[in-house]
């Protein structure tokens, strides 16, 4: 299981790096480059066993709160099919934060229980 979670950390770290790179054409790129870069660094730190439970839990909570804050009033999906681009953009950003939140919570649970059970 230890190898599985290390690989999970490296894979999501790489995915978050890619997510940060593709933000160059976003209306507010530096905000999202920063968010995805932090998620990538934390993922690499998790893979190396260098991030504490408290940091992971805190980032998961902050990302989840960001999801609720960013979620649009009217969700119109992810594809631009004649919908309001602002709602679509906010929906994409919100779900990016939800993915970060879920991953941080998985890391936090693994960190919490792996130290307790040594599995």
PDB file of N, CA and C in Angstrom:
ATOM      1  N   UNK A   1       0.816  -1.202   0.000  1.00  0.00           N
ATOM      2  CA  UNK A   1       0.000   0.000   0.000  1.00  0.00           C
ATOM      3  C   UNK A   1       0.859   1.265   0.000  1.00  0.00           C
ATOM      4  N   UNK A   2       1.998   1.193   0.635  1.00  0.00           N
ATOM      5  CA  UNK A   2       2.859   2.366   0.701  1.00  0.00           C
ATOM      6  C   UNK A   2       3.293   2.804  -0.701  1.00  0.00           C
ATOM      7  N   UNK A   3       3.634   1.831  -1.542  1.00  0.00           N
ATOM      8  CA  UNK A   3       4.054   2.134  -2.909  1.00  0.00           C
ATOM      9  C   UNK A   3       2.890   2.711  -3.710  1.00  0.00           C
ATOM     10  N   UNK A   4       1.690   2.165  -3.512  1.00  0.00           N
ATOM     11  CA  UNK A   4       0.509   2.670  -4.213  1.00  0.00           C
ATOM     12  C   UNK A   4       0.305   4.155  -3.917  1.00  0.00           C
ATOM     13  N   UNK A   5       0.374   4.534  -2.646  1.00  0.00           N
ATOM     14  CA  UNK A   5       0.143   5.928  -2.287  1.00  0.00           C
ATOM     15  C   UNK A   5       1.294   6.832  -2.727  1.00  0.00           C
ATOM     16  N   UNK A   6       2.488   6.320  -2.741  1.00  0.00           N
ATOM     17  CA  UNK A   6       3.607   7.108  -3.268  1.00  0.00           C
ATOM     18  C   UNK A   6       3.406   7.381  -4.753  1.00  0.00           C
ATOM     19  N   UNK A   7       3.006   6.350  -5.498  1.00  0.00           N
ATOM     20  CA  UNK A   7       2.728   6.528  -6.926  1.00  0.00           C
ATOM     21  C   UNK A   7       1.570   7.499  -7.120  1.00  0.00           C
ATOM     22  N   UNK A   8       0.529   7.377  -6.285  1.00  0.00           N
ATOM     23  CA  UNK A   8      -0.603   8.297  -6.353  1.00  0.00           C
ATOM     24  C   UNK A   8      -0.142   9.747  -6.170  1.00  0.00           C
ATOM     25  N   UNK A   9       0.738   9.980  -5.222  1.00  0.00           N
ATOM     26  CA  UNK A   9       1.275  11.315  -4.996  1.00  0.00           C
ATOM     27  C   UNK A   9       2.049  11.835  -6.184  1.00  0.00           C
ATOM     28  N   UNK A  10       2.887  10.998  -6.780  1.00  0.00           N
ATOM     29  CA  UNK A  10       3.672  11.417  -7.950  1.00  0.00           C
ATOM     30  C   UNK A  10       2.762  11.682  -9.147  1.00  0.00           C
ATOM     31  N   UNK A  11       1.772  10.813  -9.355  1.00  0.00           N
ATOM     32  CA  UNK A  11       0.863  10.985 -10.494  1.00  0.00           C
ATOM     33  C   UNK A  11       0.055  12.270 -10.355  1.00  0.00           C
ATOM     34  N   UNK A  12      -0.542  12.492  -9.179  1.00  0.00           N
ATOM     35  CA  UNK A  12      -1.327  13.719  -9.013  1.00  0.00           C
ATOM     36  C   UNK A  12      -0.436  14.953  -8.974  1.00  0.00           C
ATOM     37  N   UNK A  13       0.776  14.814  -8.493  1.00  0.00           N
ATOM     38  CA  UNK A  13       1.713  15.932  -8.566  1.00  0.00           C
ATOM     39  C   UNK A  13       1.959  16.329 -10.005  1.00  0.00           C
ATOM     40  N   UNK A  14       2.179  15.340 -10.863  1.00  0.00           N
ATOM     41  CA  UNK A  14       2.397  15.619 -12.291  1.00  0.00           C
ATOM     42  C   UNK A  14       1.142  16.202 -12.932  1.00  0.00           C
ATOM     43  N   UNK A  15      -0.024  15.671 -12.578  1.00  0.00           N
ATOM     44  CA  UNK A  15      -1.275  16.199 -13.132  1.00  0.00           C
ATOM     45  C   UNK A  15      -1.513  17.650 -12.699  1.00  0.00           C
ATOM     46  N   UNK A  16      -1.169  17.965 -11.463  1.00  0.00           N
ATOM     47  CA  UNK A  16      -1.331  19.348 -10.999  1.00  0.00           C
ATOM     48  C   UNK A  16      -0.329  20.277 -11.674  1.00  0.00           C
ATOM     49  N   UNK A  17       0.863  19.784 -11.984  1.00  0.00           N
ATOM     50  CA  UNK A  17       1.825  20.598 -12.746  1.00  0.00           C
ATOM     51  C   UNK A  17       1.252  20.907 -14.127  1.00  0.00           C
ATOM     52  N   UNK A  18       0.712  19.904 -14.790  1.00  0.00           N
ATOM     53  CA  UNK A  18       0.100  20.112 -16.094  1.00  0.00           C
ATOM     54  C   UNK A  18      -1.061  21.112 -15.971  1.00  0.00           C
ATOM     55  N   UNK A  19      -1.859  20.965 -14.919  1.00  0.00           N
ATOM     56  CA  UNK A  19      -2.975  21.893 -14.705  1.00  0.00           C
ATOM     57  C   UNK A  19      -2.478  23.319 -14.517  1.00  0.00           C
ATOM     58  N   UNK A  20      -1.368  23.491 -13.823  1.00  0.00           N
ATOM     59  CA  UNK A  20      -0.801  24.826 -13.633  1.00  0.00           C
ATOM     60  C   UNK A  20      -0.312  25.392 -14.961  1.00  0.00           C
ATOM     61  N   UNK A  21       0.318  24.561 -15.772  1.00  0.00           N
ATOM     62  CA  UNK A  21       0.880  25.017 -17.048  1.00  0.00           C
ATOM     63  C   UNK A  21      -0.219  25.484 -18.006  1.00  0.00           C
ATOM     64  N   UNK A  22      -1.344  24.792 -18.051  1.00  0.00           N
ATOM     65  CA  UNK A  22      -2.392  25.147 -19.013  1.00  0.00           C
ATOM     66  C   UNK A  22      -3.225  26.352 -18.575  1.00  0.00           C
ATOM     67  N   UNK A  23      -2.912  26.943 -17.445  1.00  0.00           N
ATOM     68  CA  UNK A  23      -3.657  28.112 -16.979  1.00  0.00           C
ATOM     69  C   UNK A  23      -3.212  29.416 -17.634  1.00  0.00           C
ATOM     70  N   UNK A  24      -2.213  29.363 -18.499  1.00  0.00           N
ATOM     71  CA  UNK A  24      -1.665  30.580 -19.106  1.00  0.00           C
ATOM     72  C   UNK A  24      -2.722  31.395 -19.848  1.00  0.00           C
ATOM     73  N   UNK A  25      -3.768  30.754 -20.375  1.00  0.00           N
ATOM     74  CA  UNK A  25      -4.778  31.492 -21.130  1.00  0.00           C
ATOM     75  C   UNK A  25      -6.044  31.757 -20.310  1.00  0.00           C
ATOM     76  N   UNK A  26      -5.984  31.529 -19.014  1.00  0.00           N
ATOM     77  CA  UNK A  26      -7.119  31.766 -18.128  1.00  0.00           C
ATOM     78  C   UNK A  26      -7.280  33.272 -17.898  1.00  0.00           C
ATOM     79  N   UNK A  27      -8.486  33.745 -17.625  1.00  0.00           N
ATOM     80  CA  UNK A  27      -8.657  35.171 -17.324  1.00  0.00           C
ATOM     81  C   UNK A  27      -7.860  35.642 -16.099  1.00  0.00           C
ATOM     82  N   UNK A  28      -7.662  34.765 -15.138  1.00  0.00           N
ATOM     83  CA  UNK A  28      -6.856  35.094 -13.946  1.00  0.00           C
ATOM     84  C   UNK A  28      -5.799  34.004 -13.756  1.00  0.00           C
ATOM     85  N   UNK A  29      -4.800  33.954 -14.636  1.00  0.00           N
ATOM     86  CA  UNK A  29      -3.872  32.815 -14.654  1.00  0.00           C
ATOM     87  C   UNK A  29      -3.016  32.671 -13.407  1.00  0.00           C
ATOM     88  N   UNK A  30      -2.536  33.761 -12.839  1.00  0.00           N
ATOM     89  CA  UNK A  30      -1.580  33.643 -11.729  1.00  0.00           C
ATOM     90  C   UNK A  30      -2.219  33.039 -10.492  1.00  0.00           C
ATOM     91  N   UNK A  31      -3.477  33.307 -10.271  1.00  0.00           N
ATOM     92  CA  UNK A  31      -4.180  32.703  -9.133  1.00  0.00           C
ATOM     93  C   UNK A  31      -4.200  31.188  -9.271  1.00  0.00           C
ATOM     94  N   UNK A  32      -4.575  30.729 -10.461  1.00  0.00           N
ATOM     95  CA  UNK A  32      -4.724  29.288 -10.660  1.00  0.00           C
ATOM     96  C   UNK A  32      -3.396  28.579 -10.834  1.00  0.00           C
ATOM     97  N   UNK A  33      -2.419  29.255 -11.401  1.00  0.00           N
ATOM     98  CA  UNK A  33      -1.077  28.671 -11.465  1.00  0.00           C
ATOM     99  C   UNK A  33      -0.556  28.455 -10.051  1.00  0.00           C
ATOM    100  N   UNK A  34      -0.775  29.434  -9.180  1.00  0.00           N
ATOM    101  CA  UNK A  34      -0.349  29.299  -7.782  1.00  0.00           C
ATOM    102  C   UNK A  34      -1.074  28.142  -7.094  1.00  0.00           C
ATOM    103  N   UNK A  35      -2.396  28.074  -7.252  1.00  0.00           N
ATOM    104  CA  UNK A  35      -3.190  27.025  -6.588  1.00  0.00           C
ATOM    105  C   UNK A  35      -2.735  25.645  -7.037  1.00  0.00           C
ATOM    106  N   UNK A  36      -2.612  25.443  -8.339  1.00  0.00           N
ATOM    107  CA  UNK A  36      -2.209  24.120  -8.829  1.00  0.00           C
ATOM    108  C   UNK A  36      -0.743  23.815  -8.521  1.00  0.00           C
ATOM    109  N   UNK A  37       0.092  24.829  -8.467  1.00  0.00           N
ATOM    110  CA  UNK A  37       1.500  24.609  -8.101  1.00  0.00           C
ATOM    111  C   UNK A  37       1.627  24.170  -6.642  1.00  0.00           C
ATOM    112  N   UNK A  38       0.854  24.786  -5.772  1.00  0.00           N
ATOM    113  CA  UNK A  38       0.858  24.372  -4.363  1.00  0.00           C
ATOM    114  C   UNK A  38       0.372  22.929  -4.251  1.00  0.00           C
ATOM    115  N   UNK A  39      -0.707  22.604  -4.964  1.00  0.00           N
ATOM    116  CA  UNK A  39      -1.219  21.227  -4.933  1.00  0.00           C
ATOM    117  C   UNK A  39      -0.165  20.242  -5.451  1.00  0.00           C
ATOM    118  N   UNK A  40       0.579  20.633  -6.481  1.00  0.00           N
ATOM    119  CA  UNK A  40       1.637  19.768  -7.016  1.00  0.00           C
ATOM    120  C   UNK A  40       2.753  19.581  -5.999  1.00  0.00           C
ATOM    121  N   UNK A  41       3.206  20.672  -5.391  1.00  0.00           N
ATOM    122  CA  UNK A  41       4.287  20.576  -4.401  1.00  0.00           C
ATOM    123  C   UNK A  41       3.871  19.730  -3.209  1.00  0.00           C
ATOM    124  N   UNK A  42       2.646  19.901  -2.764  1.00  0.00           N
ATOM    125  CA  UNK A  42       2.156  19.096  -1.636  1.00  0.00           C
ATOM    126  C   UNK A  42       2.058  17.627  -2.044  1.00  0.00           C
ATOM    127  N   UNK A  43       1.633  17.361  -3.265  1.00  0.00           N
ATOM    128  CA  UNK A  43       1.554  15.973  -3.736  1.00  0.00           C
ATOM    129  C   UNK A  43       2.931  15.319  -3.779  1.00  0.00           C
ATOM    130  N   UNK A  44       3.929  16.061  -4.268  1.00  0.00           N
ATOM    131  CA  UNK A  44       5.286  15.518  -4.279  1.00  0.00           C
ATOM    132  C   UNK A  44       5.797  15.318  -2.854  1.00  0.00           C
ATOM    133  N   UNK A  45       5.478  16.259  -1.977  1.00  0.00           N
ATOM    134  CA  UNK A  45       5.866  16.109  -0.568  1.00  0.00           C
ATOM    135  C   UNK A  45       5.204  14.912   0.079  1.00  0.00           C
ATOM    136  N   UNK A  46       3.936  14.678  -0.258  1.00  0.00           N
ATOM    137  CA  UNK A  46       3.230  13.501   0.254  1.00  0.00           C
ATOM    138  C   UNK A  46       3.899  12.225  -0.240  1.00  0.00           C
ATOM    139  N   UNK A  47       4.249  12.188  -1.525  1.00  0.00           N
ATOM    140  CA  UNK A  47       4.895  11.000  -2.100  1.00  0.00           C
ATOM    141  C   UNK A  47       6.216  10.701  -1.394  1.00  0.00           C
ATOM    142  N   UNK A  48       6.882  11.751  -0.933  1.00  0.00           N
ATOM    143  CA  UNK A  48       8.149  11.577  -0.222  1.00  0.00           C
ATOM    144  C   UNK A  48       7.969  11.417   1.292  1.00  0.00           C
ATOM    145  N   UNK A  49       6.735  11.506   1.758  1.00  0.00           N
ATOM    146  CA  UNK A  49       6.459  11.351   3.187  1.00  0.00           C
ATOM    147  C   UNK A  49       6.880  12.545   4.019  1.00  0.00           C
ATOM    148  N   UNK A  50       6.835  13.742   3.451  1.00  0.00           N
ATOM    149  CA  UNK A  50       7.343  14.939   4.126  1.00  0.00           C
ATOM    150  C   UNK A  50       6.275  15.956   4.492  1.00  0.00           C
ATOM    151  N   UNK A  51       5.003  15.635   4.311  1.00  0.00           N
ATOM    152  CA  UNK A  51       3.930  16.583   4.601  1.00  0.00           C
ATOM    153  C   UNK A  51       3.113  16.052   5.784  1.00  0.00           C
ATOM    154  N   UNK A  52       2.812  16.938   6.715  1.00  0.00           N
ATOM    155  CA  UNK A  52       2.093  16.521   7.915  1.00  0.00           C
ATOM    156  C   UNK A  52       0.585  16.423   7.678  1.00  0.00           C
ATOM    157  N   UNK A  53      -0.049  15.684   8.540  1.00  0.00           N
ATOM    158  CA  UNK A  53      -1.496  15.518   8.500  1.00  0.00           C
ATOM    159  C   UNK A  53      -2.207  16.864   8.585  1.00  0.00           C
ATOM    160  N   UNK A  54      -1.748  17.737   9.478  1.00  0.00           N
ATOM    161  CA  UNK A  54      -2.386  19.036   9.667  1.00  0.00           C
ATOM    162  C   UNK A  54      -2.361  19.894   8.415  1.00  0.00           C
ATOM    163  N   UNK A  55      -1.254  19.899   7.716  1.00  0.00           N
ATOM    164  CA  UNK A  55      -1.147  20.670   6.473  1.00  0.00           C
ATOM    165  C   UNK A  55      -2.099  20.103   5.424  1.00  0.00           C
ATOM    166  N   UNK A  56      -2.122  18.795   5.288  1.00  0.00           N
ATOM    167  CA  UNK A  56      -2.996  18.155   4.299  1.00  0.00           C
ATOM    168  C   UNK A  56      -4.462  18.402   4.605  1.00  0.00           C
ATOM    169  N   UNK A  57      -4.840  18.258   5.869  1.00  0.00           N
ATOM    170  CA  UNK A  57      -6.225  18.491   6.262  1.00  0.00           C
ATOM    171  C   UNK A  57      -6.608  19.948   6.039  1.00  0.00           C
ATOM    172  N   UNK A  58      -5.734  20.866   6.405  1.00  0.00           N
ATOM    173  CA  UNK A  58      -6.010  22.297   6.226  1.00  0.00           C
ATOM    174  C   UNK A  58      -6.194  22.648   4.753  1.00  0.00           C
ATOM    175  N   UNK A  59      -5.315  22.153   3.908  1.00  0.00           N
ATOM    176  CA  UNK A  59      -5.438  22.433   2.476  1.00  0.00           C
ATOM    177  C   UNK A  59      -6.707  21.819   1.886  1.00  0.00           C
ATOM    178  N   UNK A  60      -7.068  20.642   2.369  1.00  0.00           N
ATOM    179  CA  UNK A  60      -8.314  20.020   1.911  1.00  0.00           C
ATOM    180  C   UNK A  60      -9.530  20.842   2.287  1.00  0.00           C
ATOM    181  N   UNK A  61      -9.534  21.360   3.505  1.00  0.00           N
ATOM    182  CA  UNK A  61     -10.655  22.198   3.953  1.00  0.00           C
ATOM    183  C   UNK A  61     -10.702  23.504   3.170  1.00  0.00           C
ATOM    184  N   UNK A  62      -9.551  24.140   2.993  1.00  0.00           N
ATOM    185  CA  UNK A  62      -9.501  25.408   2.240  1.00  0.00           C
ATOM    186  C   UNK A  62      -9.974  25.190   0.802  1.00  0.00           C
ATOM    187  N   UNK A  63      -9.533  24.120   0.164  1.00  0.00           N
ATOM    188  CA  UNK A  63      -9.953  23.839  -1.216  1.00  0.00           C
ATOM    189  C   UNK A  63     -11.453  23.548  -1.279  1.00  0.00           C
ATOM    190  N   UNK A  64     -11.983  22.841  -0.288  1.00  0.00           N
ATOM    191  CA  UNK A  64     -13.419  22.555  -0.263  1.00  0.00           C
ATOM    192  C   UNK A  64     -14.226  23.841  -0.079  1.00  0.00           C
ATOM    193  N   UNK A  65     -13.774  24.707   0.809  1.00  0.00           N
ATOM    194  CA  UNK A  65     -14.442  25.999   0.973  1.00  0.00           C
ATOM    195  C   UNK A  65     -14.353  26.813  -0.315  1.00  0.00           C
ATOM    196  N   UNK A  66     -13.207  26.745  -0.995  1.00  0.00           N
ATOM    197  CA  UNK A  66     -13.053  27.423  -2.279  1.00  0.00           C
ATOM    198  C   UNK A  66     -14.020  26.884  -3.317  1.00  0.00           C
ATOM    199  N   UNK A  67     -14.264  25.588  -3.286  1.00  0.00           N
ATOM    200  CA  UNK A  67     -15.235  24.974  -4.201  1.00  0.00           C
ATOM    201  C   UNK A  67     -16.606  25.604  -4.006  1.00  0.00           C
ATOM    202  N   UNK A  68     -17.065  25.674  -2.752  1.00  0.00           N
ATOM    203  CA  UNK A  68     -18.388  26.234  -2.480  1.00  0.00           C
ATOM    204  C   UNK A  68     -18.443  27.726  -2.803  1.00  0.00           C
ATOM    205  N   UNK A  69     -17.358  28.435  -2.561  1.00  0.00           N
ATOM    206  CA  UNK A  69     -17.301  29.870  -2.848  1.00  0.00           C
ATOM    207  C   UNK A  69     -17.301  30.146  -4.347  1.00  0.00           C
ATOM    208  N   UNK A  70     -16.600  29.330  -5.111  1.00  0.00           N
ATOM    209  CA  UNK A  70     -16.422  29.550  -6.546  1.00  0.00           C
ATOM    210  C   UNK A  70     -17.569  28.988  -7.378  1.00  0.00           C
ATOM    211  N   UNK A  71     -18.293  28.009  -6.849  1.00  0.00           N
ATOM    212  CA  UNK A  71     -19.344  27.345  -7.631  1.00  0.00           C
ATOM    213  C   UNK A  71     -20.354  28.383  -8.124  1.00  0.00           C
ATOM    214  N   UNK A  72     -20.679  28.353  -9.431  1.00  0.00           N
ATOM    215  CA  UNK A  72     -21.574  29.369  -9.992  1.00  0.00           C
ATOM    216  C   UNK A  72     -23.021  29.197  -9.532  1.00  0.00           C
ATOM    217  N   UNK A  73     -23.768  30.296  -9.579  1.00  0.00           N
ATOM    218  CA  UNK A  73     -25.180  30.245  -9.213  1.00  0.00           C
ATOM    219  C   UNK A  73     -25.954  29.314 -10.145  1.00  0.00           C
ATOM    220  N   UNK A  74     -25.581  29.338 -11.410  1.00  0.00           N
ATOM    221  CA  UNK A  74     -26.234  28.481 -12.406  1.00  0.00           C
ATOM    222  C   UNK A  74     -25.156  27.660 -13.102  1.00  0.00           C
ATOM    223  N   UNK A  75     -25.072  26.389 -12.755  1.00  0.00           N
ATOM    224  CA  UNK A  75     -24.065  25.515 -13.356  1.00  0.00           C
ATOM    225  C   UNK A  75     -24.524  25.108 -14.746  1.00  0.00           C
ATOM    226  N   UNK A  76     -23.688  25.372 -15.751  1.00  0.00           N
ATOM    227  CA  UNK A  76     -24.039  25.083 -17.141  1.00  0.00           C
ATOM    228  C   UNK A  76     -23.118  24.049 -17.767  1.00  0.00           C
ATOM    229  N   UNK A  77     -22.413  23.293 -16.971  1.00  0.00           N
ATOM    230  CA  UNK A  77     -21.529  22.271 -17.497  1.00  0.00           C
ATOM    231  C   UNK A  77     -20.123  22.793 -17.703  1.00  0.00           C
ATOM    232  N   UNK A  78     -19.334  22.032 -18.455  1.00  0.00           N
ATOM    233  CA  UNK A  78     -17.931  22.356 -18.665  1.00  0.00           C
ATOM    234  C   UNK A  78     -17.621  22.780 -20.097  1.00  0.00           C
ATOM    235  N   UNK A  79     -18.507  22.467 -21.030  1.00  0.00           N
ATOM    236  CA  UNK A  79     -18.252  22.772 -22.438  1.00  0.00           C
ATOM    237  C   UNK A  79     -18.960  24.056 -22.842  1.00  0.00           C
ATOM    238  N   UNK A  80     -18.348  24.776 -23.737  1.00  0.00           N
ATOM    239  CA  UNK A  80     -18.923  26.025 -24.218  1.00  0.00           C
ATOM    240  C   UNK A  80     -19.891  25.693 -25.352  1.00  0.00           C
ATOM    241  N   UNK A  81     -21.158  25.559 -25.015  1.00  0.00           N
ATOM    242  CA  UNK A  81     -22.202  25.234 -25.999  1.00  0.00           C
ATOM    243  C   UNK A  81     -23.257  26.329 -26.027  1.00  0.00           C
ATOM    244  N   UNK A  82     -22.830  27.561 -26.069  1.00  0.00           N
ATOM    245  CA  UNK A  82     -23.784  28.649 -26.084  1.00  0.00           C
ATOM    246  C   UNK A  82     -24.173  29.129 -24.703  1.00  0.00           C
ATOM    247  N   UNK A  83     -23.596  28.515 -23.664  1.00  0.00           N
ATOM    248  CA  UNK A  83     -23.870  28.959 -22.304  1.00  0.00           C
ATOM    249  C   UNK A  83     -23.046  30.186 -21.952  1.00  0.00           C
ATOM    250  N   UNK A  84     -23.291  30.694 -20.787  1.00  0.00           N
ATOM    251  CA  UNK A  84     -22.555  31.861 -20.309  1.00  0.00           C
ATOM    252  C   UNK A  84     -21.124  31.434 -19.947  1.00  0.00           C
ATOM    253  N   UNK A  85     -20.150  32.017 -20.615  1.00  0.00           N
ATOM    254  CA  UNK A  85     -18.748  31.632 -20.424  1.00  0.00           C
ATOM    255  C   UNK A  85     -18.305  31.835 -18.978  1.00  0.00           C
ATOM    256  N   UNK A  86     -18.840  32.864 -18.312  1.00  0.00           N
ATOM    257  CA  UNK A  86     -18.470  33.118 -16.914  1.00  0.00           C
ATOM    258  C   UNK A  86     -18.926  31.963 -16.015  1.00  0.00           C
ATOM    259  N   UNK A  87     -20.154  31.479 -16.218  1.00  0.00           N
ATOM    260  CA  UNK A  87     -20.647  30.347 -15.428  1.00  0.00           C
ATOM    261  C   UNK A  87     -19.854  29.080 -15.706  1.00  0.00           C
ATOM    262  N   UNK A  88     -19.526  28.868 -16.958  1.00  0.00           N
ATOM    263  CA  UNK A  88     -18.763  27.673 -17.329  1.00  0.00           C
ATOM    264  C   UNK A  88     -17.368  27.740 -16.717  1.00  0.00           C
ATOM    265  N   UNK A  89     -16.729  28.907 -16.800  1.00  0.00           N
ATOM    266  CA  UNK A  89     -15.392  29.091 -16.227  1.00  0.00           C
ATOM    267  C   UNK A  89     -15.416  28.884 -14.709  1.00  0.00           C
ATOM    268  N   UNK A  90     -16.420  29.446 -14.036  1.00  0.00           N
ATOM    269  CA  UNK A  90     -16.529  29.269 -12.583  1.00  0.00           C
ATOM    270  C   UNK A  90     -16.783  27.807 -12.222  1.00  0.00           C
ATOM    271  N   UNK A  91     -17.568  27.113 -13.036  1.00  0.00           N
ATOM    272  CA  UNK A  91     -17.808  25.692 -12.796  1.00  0.00           C
ATOM    273  C   UNK A  91     -16.537  24.872 -12.935  1.00  0.00           C
ATOM    274  N   UNK A  92     -15.750  25.170 -13.953  1.00  0.00           N
ATOM    275  CA  UNK A  92     -14.476  24.467 -14.135  1.00  0.00           C
ATOM    276  C   UNK A  92     -13.535  24.731 -12.968  1.00  0.00           C
ATOM    277  N   UNK A  93     -13.440  25.990 -12.567  1.00  0.00           N
ATOM    278  CA  UNK A  93     -12.559  26.344 -11.451  1.00  0.00           C
ATOM    279  C   UNK A  93     -13.019  25.674 -10.159  1.00  0.00           C
ATOM    280  N   UNK A  94     -14.341  25.673  -9.931  1.00  0.00           N
ATOM    281  CA  UNK A  94     -14.875  25.064  -8.717  1.00  0.00           C
ATOM    282  C   UNK A  94     -14.547  23.573  -8.658  1.00  0.00           C
ATOM    283  N   UNK A  95     -14.737  22.893  -9.767  1.00  0.00           N
ATOM    284  CA  UNK A  95     -14.466  21.456  -9.754  1.00  0.00           C
ATOM    285  C   UNK A  95     -12.975  21.150  -9.694  1.00  0.00           C
ATOM    286  N   UNK A  96     -12.142  22.045 -10.190  1.00  0.00           N
ATOM    287  CA  UNK A  96     -10.699  21.894  -9.980  1.00  0.00           C
ATOM    288  C   UNK A  96     -10.372  21.930  -8.496  1.00  0.00           C
ATOM    289  N   UNK A  97     -11.000  22.848  -7.784  1.00  0.00           N
ATOM    290  CA  UNK A  97     -10.796  22.932  -6.330  1.00  0.00           C
ATOM    291  C   UNK A  97     -11.362  21.704  -5.621  1.00  0.00           C
ATOM    292  N   UNK A  98     -12.477  21.176  -6.116  1.00  0.00           N
ATOM    293  CA  UNK A  98     -13.040  19.970  -5.515  1.00  0.00           C
ATOM    294  C   UNK A  98     -12.088  18.786  -5.687  1.00  0.00           C
ATOM    295  N   UNK A  99     -11.478  18.657  -6.851  1.00  0.00           N
ATOM    296  CA  UNK A  99     -10.498  17.584  -7.078  1.00  0.00           C
ATOM    297  C   UNK A  99      -9.326  17.746  -6.118  1.00  0.00           C
ATOM    298  N   UNK A 100      -8.820  18.962  -5.996  1.00  0.00           N
ATOM    299  CA  UNK A 100      -7.712  19.206  -5.062  1.00  0.00           C
ATOM    300  C   UNK A 100      -8.137  18.827  -3.652  1.00  0.00           C
ATOM    301  N   UNK A 101      -9.337  19.218  -3.255  1.00  0.00           N
ATOM    302  CA  UNK A 101      -9.838  18.918  -1.915  1.00  0.00           C
ATOM    303  C   UNK A 101      -9.901  17.409  -1.661  1.00  0.00           C
ATOM    304  N   UNK A 102     -10.477  16.682  -2.593  1.00  0.00           N
ATOM    305  CA  UNK A 102     -10.602  15.225  -2.431  1.00  0.00           C
ATOM    306  C   UNK A 102      -9.228  14.586  -2.310  1.00  0.00           C
ATOM    307  N   UNK A 103      -8.301  14.985  -3.148  1.00  0.00           N
ATOM    308  CA  UNK A 103      -6.952  14.413  -3.108  1.00  0.00           C
ATOM    309  C   UNK A 103      -6.264  14.744  -1.782  1.00  0.00           C
ATOM    310  N   UNK A 104      -6.406  15.980  -1.307  1.00  0.00           N
ATOM    311  CA  UNK A 104      -5.785  16.362  -0.033  1.00  0.00           C
ATOM    312  C   UNK A 104      -6.382  15.566   1.126  1.00  0.00           C
ATOM    313  N   UNK A 105      -7.691  15.319   1.077  1.00  0.00           N
ATOM    314  CA  UNK A 105      -8.325  14.517   2.129  1.00  0.00           C
ATOM    315  C   UNK A 105      -7.844  13.059   2.071  1.00  0.00           C
ATOM    316  N   UNK A 106      -7.664  12.525   0.875  1.00  0.00           N
ATOM    317  CA  UNK A 106      -7.127  11.165   0.740  1.00  0.00           C
ATOM    318  C   UNK A 106      -5.712  11.114   1.319  1.00  0.00           C
ATOM    319  N   UNK A 107      -4.890  12.096   0.958  1.00  0.00           N
ATOM    320  CA  UNK A 107      -3.533  12.160   1.513  1.00  0.00           C
ATOM    321  C   UNK A 107      -3.566  12.267   3.037  1.00  0.00           C
ATOM    322  N   UNK A 108      -4.466  13.115   3.545  1.00  0.00           N
ATOM    323  CA  UNK A 108      -4.550  13.320   4.996  1.00  0.00           C
ATOM    324  C   UNK A 108      -4.945  12.027   5.703  1.00  0.00           C
ATOM    325  N   UNK A 109      -5.944  11.341   5.177  1.00  0.00           N
ATOM    326  CA  UNK A 109      -6.377  10.083   5.789  1.00  0.00           C
ATOM    327  C   UNK A 109      -5.256   9.052   5.754  1.00  0.00           C
ATOM    328  N   UNK A 110      -4.578   8.963   4.636  1.00  0.00           N
ATOM    329  CA  UNK A 110      -3.463   8.015   4.531  1.00  0.00           C
ATOM    330  C   UNK A 110      -2.355   8.364   5.528  1.00  0.00           C
ATOM    331  N   UNK A 111      -2.039   9.646   5.630  1.00  0.00           N
ATOM    332  CA  UNK A 111      -0.994  10.077   6.558  1.00  0.00           C
ATOM    333  C   UNK A 111      -1.399   9.782   7.995  1.00  0.00           C
ATOM    334  N   UNK A 112      -2.632  10.078   8.325  1.00  0.00           N
ATOM    335  CA  UNK A 112      -3.129   9.874   9.699  1.00  0.00           C
ATOM    336  C   UNK A 112      -3.105   8.408  10.088  1.00  0.00           C
ATOM    337  N   UNK A 113      -3.647   7.556   9.211  1.00  0.00           N
ATOM    338  CA  UNK A 113      -3.788   6.154   9.577  1.00  0.00           C
ATOM    339  C   UNK A 113      -2.556   5.311   9.273  1.00  0.00           C
ATOM    340  N   UNK A 114      -1.681   5.753   8.393  1.00  0.00           N
ATOM    341  CA  UNK A 114      -0.475   4.969   8.129  1.00  0.00           C
ATOM    342  C   UNK A 114       0.501   5.093   9.291  1.00  0.00           C
ATOM    343  N   UNK A 115       0.520   6.233   9.938  1.00  0.00           N
ATOM    344  CA  UNK A 115       1.394   6.396  11.102  1.00  0.00           C
ATOM    345  C   UNK A 115       0.870   5.661  12.312  1.00  0.00           C
ATOM    346  N   UNK A 116      -0.458   5.504  12.383  1.00  0.00           N
ATOM    347  CA  UNK A 116      -1.057   4.811  13.503  1.00  0.00           C
ATOM    348  C   UNK A 116      -0.947   3.295  13.365  1.00  0.00           C
ATOM    349  N   UNK A 117      -1.084   2.770  12.136  1.00  0.00           N
ATOM    350  CA  UNK A 117      -1.130   1.325  11.954  1.00  0.00           C
ATOM    351  C   UNK A 117       0.139   0.744  11.332  1.00  0.00           C
ATOM    352  N   UNK A 118       0.993   1.593  10.757  1.00  0.00           N
ATOM    353  CA  UNK A 118       2.236   1.148  10.119  1.00  0.00           C
ATOM    354  C   UNK A 118       1.980   0.196   8.956  1.00  0.00           C
ATOM    355  N   UNK A 119       0.893   0.430   8.201  1.00  0.00           N
ATOM    356  CA  UNK A 119       0.596  -0.407   7.015  1.00  0.00           C
ATOM    357  C   UNK A 119       1.214   0.228   5.813  1.00  0.00           C
TER     358      UNK A 119
END
